[in-house]
Amino acid sequence: MDYCLDFIGWSNLWIGAPATIVETPGFHGWGAIWELDKADIEHLEHQQAGYNAFQVHVVTYSGAKYNCRVY
């Protein structure tokens, strides 16, 4: 919680501002949680080059809690 989706800067690849997650007290966002094999992290890092990866604590609608890496 305390994060929201924002669009900052410009990307020639996307021809617009790329989406990013910004810490914003009191806000929350919706998304998907994907479980990936650790062997795939290198590929994901390459795919998400230019994004700032960090960990967030996620609480699902049903109350389950996860520590997730986001970009």
PDB file of N, CA and C in Angstrom:
ATOM      1  N   MET A   1       0.838  -1.177   0.000  1.00  0.00           N
ATOM      2  CA  MET A   1       0.000   0.000   0.000  1.00  0.00           C
ATOM      3  C   MET A   1       0.881   1.237   0.000  1.00  0.00           C
ATOM      4  N   ASP A   2       0.283   2.358  -0.143  1.00  0.00           N
ATOM      5  CA  ASP A   2       0.982   3.639  -0.194  1.00  0.00           C
ATOM      6  C   ASP A   2       1.797   3.814  -1.473  1.00  0.00           C
ATOM      7  N   TYR A   3       1.298   3.247  -2.575  1.00  0.00           N
ATOM      8  CA  TYR A   3       1.916   3.418  -3.888  1.00  0.00           C
ATOM      9  C   TYR A   3       0.814   3.666  -4.912  1.00  0.00           C
ATOM     10  N   CYS A   4       1.171   4.360  -5.988  1.00  0.00           N
ATOM     11  CA  CYS A   4       0.221   4.527  -7.086  1.00  0.00           C
ATOM     12  C   CYS A   4       0.968   4.433  -8.410  1.00  0.00           C
ATOM     13  N   LEU A   5       0.229   4.209  -9.464  1.00  0.00           N
ATOM     14  CA  LEU A   5       0.779   4.149 -10.809  1.00  0.00           C
ATOM     15  C   LEU A   5       0.862   5.563 -11.360  1.00  0.00           C
ATOM     16  N   ASP A   6       2.003   5.892 -11.969  1.00  0.00           N
ATOM     17  CA  ASP A   6       2.191   7.226 -12.539  1.00  0.00           C
ATOM     18  C   ASP A   6       2.881   7.078 -13.889  1.00  0.00           C
ATOM     19  N   PHE A   7       2.850   8.117 -14.677  1.00  0.00           N
ATOM     20  CA  PHE A   7       3.491   8.133 -15.992  1.00  0.00           C
ATOM     21  C   PHE A   7       4.442   9.319 -16.015  1.00  0.00           C
ATOM     22  N   ILE A   8       5.757   9.023 -16.024  1.00  0.00           N
ATOM     23  CA  ILE A   8       6.775  10.062 -15.891  1.00  0.00           C
ATOM     24  C   ILE A   8       7.758   9.950 -17.051  1.00  0.00           C
ATOM     25  N   GLY A   9       8.127  11.075 -17.622  1.00  0.00           N
ATOM     26  CA  GLY A   9       9.143  11.090 -18.669  1.00  0.00           C
ATOM     27  C   GLY A   9       8.583  10.715 -20.027  1.00  0.00           C
ATOM     28  N   TRP A  10       9.490  10.339 -20.916  1.00  0.00           N
ATOM     29  CA  TRP A  10       9.134   9.998 -22.294  1.00  0.00           C
ATOM     30  C   TRP A  10       9.940   8.796 -22.738  1.00  0.00           C
ATOM     31  N   SER A  11       9.311   7.892 -23.452  1.00  0.00           N
ATOM     32  CA  SER A  11       9.985   6.728 -24.008  1.00  0.00           C
ATOM     33  C   SER A  11       9.732   6.678 -25.506  1.00  0.00           C
ATOM     34  N   ASN A  12      10.812   6.667 -26.292  1.00  0.00           N
ATOM     35  CA  ASN A  12      10.654   6.504 -27.739  1.00  0.00           C
ATOM     36  C   ASN A  12      10.133   5.109 -28.073  1.00  0.00           C
ATOM     37  N   LEU A  13      10.472   4.136 -27.223  1.00  0.00           N
ATOM     38  CA  LEU A  13       9.991   2.771 -27.430  1.00  0.00           C
ATOM     39  C   LEU A  13       8.472   2.708 -27.325  1.00  0.00           C
ATOM     40  N   TRP A  14       7.911   3.356 -26.303  1.00  0.00           N
ATOM     41  CA  TRP A  14       6.465   3.332 -26.073  1.00  0.00           C
ATOM     42  C   TRP A  14       5.753   4.499 -26.753  1.00  0.00           C
ATOM     43  N   ILE A  15       6.526   5.439 -27.266  1.00  0.00           N
ATOM     44  CA  ILE A  15       5.994   6.672 -27.854  1.00  0.00           C
ATOM     45  C   ILE A  15       5.048   7.347 -26.855  1.00  0.00           C
ATOM     46  N   GLY A  16       5.560   7.511 -25.666  1.00  0.00           N
ATOM     47  CA  GLY A  16       4.800   8.129 -24.584  1.00  0.00           C
ATOM     48  C   GLY A  16       5.515   7.900 -23.270  1.00  0.00           C
ATOM     49  N   ALA A  17       4.874   8.267 -22.206  1.00  0.00           N
ATOM     50  CA  ALA A  17       5.464   8.111 -20.878  1.00  0.00           C
ATOM     51  C   ALA A  17       5.287   6.673 -20.394  1.00  0.00           C
ATOM     52  N   PRO A  18       6.365   6.032 -19.929  1.00  0.00           N
ATOM     53  CA  PRO A  18       6.226   4.678 -19.396  1.00  0.00           C
ATOM     54  C   PRO A  18       5.566   4.703 -18.016  1.00  0.00           C
ATOM     55  N   ALA A  19       4.836   3.660 -17.707  1.00  0.00           N
ATOM     56  CA  ALA A  19       4.205   3.544 -16.389  1.00  0.00           C
ATOM     57  C   ALA A  19       5.265   3.204 -15.355  1.00  0.00           C
ATOM     58  N   THR A  20       5.122   3.765 -14.171  1.00  0.00           N
ATOM     59  CA  THR A  20       6.024   3.457 -13.073  1.00  0.00           C
ATOM     60  C   THR A  20       5.242   3.510 -11.763  1.00  0.00           C
ATOM     61  N   ILE A  21       5.786   2.891 -10.740  1.00  0.00           N
ATOM     62  CA  ILE A  21       5.141   2.873  -9.427  1.00  0.00           C
ATOM     63  C   ILE A  21       5.828   3.910  -8.551  1.00  0.00           C
ATOM     64  N   VAL A  22       5.022   4.764  -7.925  1.00  0.00           N
ATOM     65  CA  VAL A  22       5.538   5.867  -7.117  1.00  0.00           C
ATOM     66  C   VAL A  22       4.976   5.760  -5.704  1.00  0.00           C
ATOM     67  N   GLU A  23       5.857   5.888  -4.706  1.00  0.00           N
ATOM     68  CA  GLU A  23       5.393   5.869  -3.322  1.00  0.00           C
ATOM     69  C   GLU A  23       4.523   7.095  -3.076  1.00  0.00           C
ATOM     70  N   THR A  24       3.275   6.856  -2.650  1.00  0.00           N
ATOM     71  CA  THR A  24       2.305   7.922  -2.430  1.00  0.00           C
ATOM     72  C   THR A  24       1.454   7.549  -1.219  1.00  0.00           C
ATOM     73  N   PRO A  25       1.772   8.101  -0.036  1.00  0.00           N
ATOM     74  CA  PRO A  25       1.040   7.734   1.180  1.00  0.00           C
ATOM     75  C   PRO A  25      -0.477   7.867   1.015  1.00  0.00           C
ATOM     76  N   GLY A  26      -1.187   6.842   1.485  1.00  0.00           N
ATOM     77  CA  GLY A  26      -2.641   6.848   1.442  1.00  0.00           C
ATOM     78  C   GLY A  26      -3.241   6.277   0.172  1.00  0.00           C
ATOM     79  N   PHE A  27      -2.416   5.983  -0.832  1.00  0.00           N
ATOM     80  CA  PHE A  27      -2.919   5.441  -2.093  1.00  0.00           C
ATOM     81  C   PHE A  27      -2.680   3.939  -2.149  1.00  0.00           C
ATOM     82  N   HIS A  28      -3.377   3.271  -3.038  1.00  0.00           N
ATOM     83  CA  HIS A  28      -3.135   1.858  -3.300  1.00  0.00           C
ATOM     84  C   HIS A  28      -3.414   1.585  -4.767  1.00  0.00           C
ATOM     85  N   GLY A  29      -2.859   0.506  -5.261  1.00  0.00           N
ATOM     86  CA  GLY A  29      -3.039   0.175  -6.669  1.00  0.00           C
ATOM     87  C   GLY A  29      -3.430  -1.279  -6.845  1.00  0.00           C
ATOM     88  N   TRP A  30      -3.909  -1.593  -8.020  1.00  0.00           N
ATOM     89  CA  TRP A  30      -4.308  -2.952  -8.365  1.00  0.00           C
ATOM     90  C   TRP A  30      -3.344  -3.486  -9.410  1.00  0.00           C
ATOM     91  N   GLY A  31      -3.111  -4.769  -9.392  1.00  0.00           N
ATOM     92  CA  GLY A  31      -2.207  -5.367 -10.365  1.00  0.00           C
ATOM     93  C   GLY A  31      -2.268  -6.874 -10.294  1.00  0.00           C
ATOM     94  N   ALA A  32      -1.264  -7.498 -10.837  1.00  0.00           N
ATOM     95  CA  ALA A  32      -1.161  -8.958 -10.858  1.00  0.00           C
ATOM     96  C   ALA A  32       0.145  -9.371 -10.195  1.00  0.00           C
ATOM     97  N   ILE A  33       0.124 -10.513  -9.544  1.00  0.00           N
ATOM     98  CA  ILE A  33       1.328 -11.082  -8.946  1.00  0.00           C
ATOM     99  C   ILE A  33       1.685 -12.326  -9.750  1.00  0.00           C
ATOM    100  N   TRP A  34       2.921 -12.359 -10.237  1.00  0.00           N
ATOM    101  CA  TRP A  34       3.409 -13.496 -11.008  1.00  0.00           C
ATOM    102  C   TRP A  34       4.520 -14.171 -10.223  1.00  0.00           C
ATOM    103  N   GLU A  35       4.472 -15.484 -10.120  1.00  0.00           N
ATOM    104  CA  GLU A  35       5.552 -16.236  -9.493  1.00  0.00           C
ATOM    105  C   GLU A  35       6.499 -16.696 -10.594  1.00  0.00           C
ATOM    106  N   LEU A  36       7.763 -16.268 -10.483  1.00  0.00           N
ATOM    107  CA  LEU A  36       8.761 -16.601 -11.495  1.00  0.00           C
ATOM    108  C   LEU A  36       9.882 -17.420 -10.886  1.00  0.00           C
ATOM    109  N   ASP A  37      10.486 -18.236 -11.704  1.00  0.00           N
ATOM    110  CA  ASP A  37      11.658 -18.992 -11.303  1.00  0.00           C
ATOM    111  C   ASP A  37      12.839 -18.025 -11.183  1.00  0.00           C
ATOM    112  N   LYS A  38      13.705 -18.228 -10.197  1.00  0.00           N
ATOM    113  CA  LYS A  38      14.853 -17.331 -10.024  1.00  0.00           C
ATOM    114  C   LYS A  38      15.727 -17.278 -11.272  1.00  0.00           C
ATOM    115  N   ALA A  39      15.735 -18.343 -12.055  1.00  0.00           N
ATOM    116  CA  ALA A  39      16.528 -18.375 -13.283  1.00  0.00           C
ATOM    117  C   ALA A  39      16.034 -17.347 -14.300  1.00  0.00           C
ATOM    118  N   ASP A  40      14.797 -16.882 -14.164  1.00  0.00           N
ATOM    119  CA  ASP A  40      14.229 -15.925 -15.111  1.00  0.00           C
ATOM    120  C   ASP A  40      14.490 -14.469 -14.734  1.00  0.00           C
ATOM    121  N   ILE A  41      15.059 -14.222 -13.555  1.00  0.00           N
ATOM    122  CA  ILE A  41      15.272 -12.844 -13.104  1.00  0.00           C
ATOM    123  C   ILE A  41      16.186 -12.080 -14.057  1.00  0.00           C
ATOM    124  N   GLU A  42      17.253 -12.716 -14.534  1.00  0.00           N
ATOM    125  CA  GLU A  42      18.169 -12.042 -15.459  1.00  0.00           C
ATOM    126  C   GLU A  42      17.431 -11.578 -16.715  1.00  0.00           C
ATOM    127  N   HIS A  43      16.555 -12.419 -17.250  1.00  0.00           N
ATOM    128  CA  HIS A  43      15.781 -12.046 -18.440  1.00  0.00           C
ATOM    129  C   HIS A  43      14.810 -10.907 -18.130  1.00  0.00           C
ATOM    130  N   LEU A  44      14.191 -10.966 -16.958  1.00  0.00           N
ATOM    131  CA  LEU A  44      13.264  -9.912 -16.557  1.00  0.00           C
ATOM    132  C   LEU A  44      14.003  -8.588 -16.381  1.00  0.00           C
ATOM    133  N   GLU A  45      15.177  -8.625 -15.758  1.00  0.00           N
ATOM    134  CA  GLU A  45      15.973  -7.407 -15.577  1.00  0.00           C
ATOM    135  C   GLU A  45      16.318  -6.786 -16.931  1.00  0.00           C
ATOM    136  N   HIS A  46      16.656  -7.620 -17.908  1.00  0.00           N
ATOM    137  CA  HIS A  46      16.966  -7.113 -19.252  1.00  0.00           C
ATOM    138  C   HIS A  46      15.726  -6.490 -19.891  1.00  0.00           C
ATOM    139  N   GLN A  47      14.590  -7.166 -19.766  1.00  0.00           N
ATOM    140  CA  GLN A  47      13.327  -6.678 -20.331  1.00  0.00           C
ATOM    141  C   GLN A  47      12.925  -5.346 -19.711  1.00  0.00           C
ATOM    142  N   GLN A  48      13.168  -5.187 -18.414  1.00  0.00           N
ATOM    143  CA  GLN A  48      12.730  -3.998 -17.683  1.00  0.00           C
ATOM    144  C   GLN A  48      13.852  -2.969 -17.522  1.00  0.00           C
ATOM    145  N   ALA A  49      14.881  -3.045 -18.351  1.00  0.00           N
ATOM    146  CA  ALA A  49      16.007  -2.103 -18.266  1.00  0.00           C
ATOM    147  C   ALA A  49      15.480  -0.668 -18.291  1.00  0.00           C
ATOM    148  N   GLY A  50      16.016   0.154 -17.416  1.00  0.00           N
ATOM    149  CA  GLY A  50      15.584   1.545 -17.333  1.00  0.00           C
ATOM    150  C   GLY A  50      14.563   1.784 -16.236  1.00  0.00           C
ATOM    151  N   TYR A  51      13.955   0.714 -15.734  1.00  0.00           N
ATOM    152  CA  TYR A  51      13.008   0.847 -14.627  1.00  0.00           C
ATOM    153  C   TYR A  51      13.741   0.667 -13.309  1.00  0.00           C
ATOM    154  N   ASN A  52      13.237   1.280 -12.261  1.00  0.00           N
ATOM    155  CA  ASN A  52      13.805   1.173 -10.930  1.00  0.00           C
ATOM    156  C   ASN A  52      13.107   0.032 -10.193  1.00  0.00           C
ATOM    157  N   ALA A  53      13.781  -1.105 -10.041  1.00  0.00           N
ATOM    158  CA  ALA A  53      13.190  -2.253  -9.349  1.00  0.00           C
ATOM    159  C   ALA A  53      13.323  -2.077  -7.840  1.00  0.00           C
ATOM    160  N   PHE A  54      12.267  -2.431  -7.106  1.00  0.00           N
ATOM    161  CA  PHE A  54      12.321  -2.395  -5.646  1.00  0.00           C
ATOM    162  C   PHE A  54      11.286  -3.350  -5.075  1.00  0.00           C
ATOM    163  N   GLN A  55      11.369  -3.611  -3.776  1.00  0.00           N
ATOM    164  CA  GLN A  55      10.475  -4.539  -3.091  1.00  0.00           C
ATOM    165  C   GLN A  55       9.327  -3.766  -2.435  1.00  0.00           C
ATOM    166  N   VAL A  56       8.127  -4.315  -2.509  1.00  0.00           N
ATOM    167  CA  VAL A  56       6.977  -3.751  -1.799  1.00  0.00           C
ATOM    168  C   VAL A  56       6.235  -4.879  -1.086  1.00  0.00           C
ATOM    169  N   HIS A  57       5.573  -4.533   0.000  1.00  0.00           N
ATOM    170  CA  HIS A  57       4.712  -5.478   0.703  1.00  0.00           C
ATOM    171  C   HIS A  57       3.325  -5.354   0.088  1.00  0.00           C
ATOM    172  N   VAL A  58       2.807  -6.467  -0.392  1.00  0.00           N
ATOM    173  CA  VAL A  58       1.515  -6.486  -1.073  1.00  0.00           C
ATOM    174  C   VAL A  58       0.509  -7.246  -0.218  1.00  0.00           C
ATOM    175  N   VAL A  59      -0.682  -6.677  -0.072  1.00  0.00           N
ATOM    176  CA  VAL A  59      -1.787  -7.346   0.608  1.00  0.00           C
ATOM    177  C   VAL A  59      -2.889  -7.514  -0.427  1.00  0.00           C
ATOM    178  N   THR A  60      -3.287  -8.751  -0.683  1.00  0.00           N
ATOM    179  CA  THR A  60      -4.309  -9.011  -1.690  1.00  0.00           C
ATOM    180  C   THR A  60      -5.704  -8.698  -1.148  1.00  0.00           C
ATOM    181  N   TYR A  61      -6.666  -8.689  -2.042  1.00  0.00           N
ATOM    182  CA  TYR A  61      -8.056  -8.426  -1.682  1.00  0.00           C
ATOM    183  C   TYR A  61      -8.536  -9.402  -0.607  1.00  0.00           C
ATOM    184  N   SER A  62      -8.018 -10.653  -0.660  1.00  0.00           N
ATOM    185  CA  SER A  62      -8.426 -11.672   0.320  1.00  0.00           C
ATOM    186  C   SER A  62      -7.618 -11.603   1.616  1.00  0.00           C
ATOM    187  N   GLY A  63      -6.627 -10.694   1.681  1.00  0.00           N
ATOM    188  CA  GLY A  63      -5.838 -10.520   2.895  1.00  0.00           C
ATOM    189  C   GLY A  63      -4.503 -11.247   2.906  1.00  0.00           C
ATOM    190  N   ALA A  64      -4.185 -12.018   1.860  1.00  0.00           N
ATOM    191  CA  ALA A  64      -2.887 -12.693   1.781  1.00  0.00           C
ATOM    192  C   ALA A  64      -1.784 -11.646   1.620  1.00  0.00           C
ATOM    193  N   LYS A  65      -0.622 -11.905   2.226  1.00  0.00           N
ATOM    194  CA  LYS A  65       0.481 -10.943   2.187  1.00  0.00           C
ATOM    195  C   LYS A  65       1.672 -11.531   1.439  1.00  0.00           C
ATOM    196  N   TYR A  66       2.295 -10.693   0.600  1.00  0.00           N
ATOM    197  CA  TYR A  66       3.448 -11.101  -0.199  1.00  0.00           C
ATOM    198  C   TYR A  66       4.485  -9.984  -0.200  1.00  0.00           C
ATOM    199  N   ASN A  67       5.747 -10.365  -0.329  1.00  0.00           N
ATOM    200  CA  ASN A  67       6.825  -9.413  -0.560  1.00  0.00           C
ATOM    201  C   ASN A  67       7.161  -9.537  -2.044  1.00  0.00           C
ATOM    202  N   CYS A  68       6.920  -8.481  -2.824  1.00  0.00           N
ATOM    203  CA  CYS A  68       7.036  -8.561  -4.280  1.00  0.00           C
ATOM    204  C   CYS A  68       8.064  -7.586  -4.828  1.00  0.00           C
ATOM    205  N   ARG A  69       8.731  -8.010  -5.891  1.00  0.00           N
ATOM    206  CA  ARG A  69       9.642  -7.141  -6.636  1.00  0.00           C
ATOM    207  C   ARG A  69       8.810  -6.451  -7.710  1.00  0.00           C
ATOM    208  N   VAL A  70       8.912  -5.140  -7.772  1.00  0.00           N
ATOM    209  CA  VAL A  70       8.146  -4.374  -8.756  1.00  0.00           C
ATOM    210  C   VAL A  70       9.089  -3.518  -9.579  1.00  0.00           C
ATOM    211  N   TYR A  71       8.601  -3.091 -10.736  1.00  0.00           N
ATOM    212  CA  TYR A  71       9.379  -2.241 -11.644  1.00  0.00           C
ATOM    213  C   TYR A  71       8.562  -1.019 -11.980  1.00  0.00           C
TER     214      TYR A  71
END
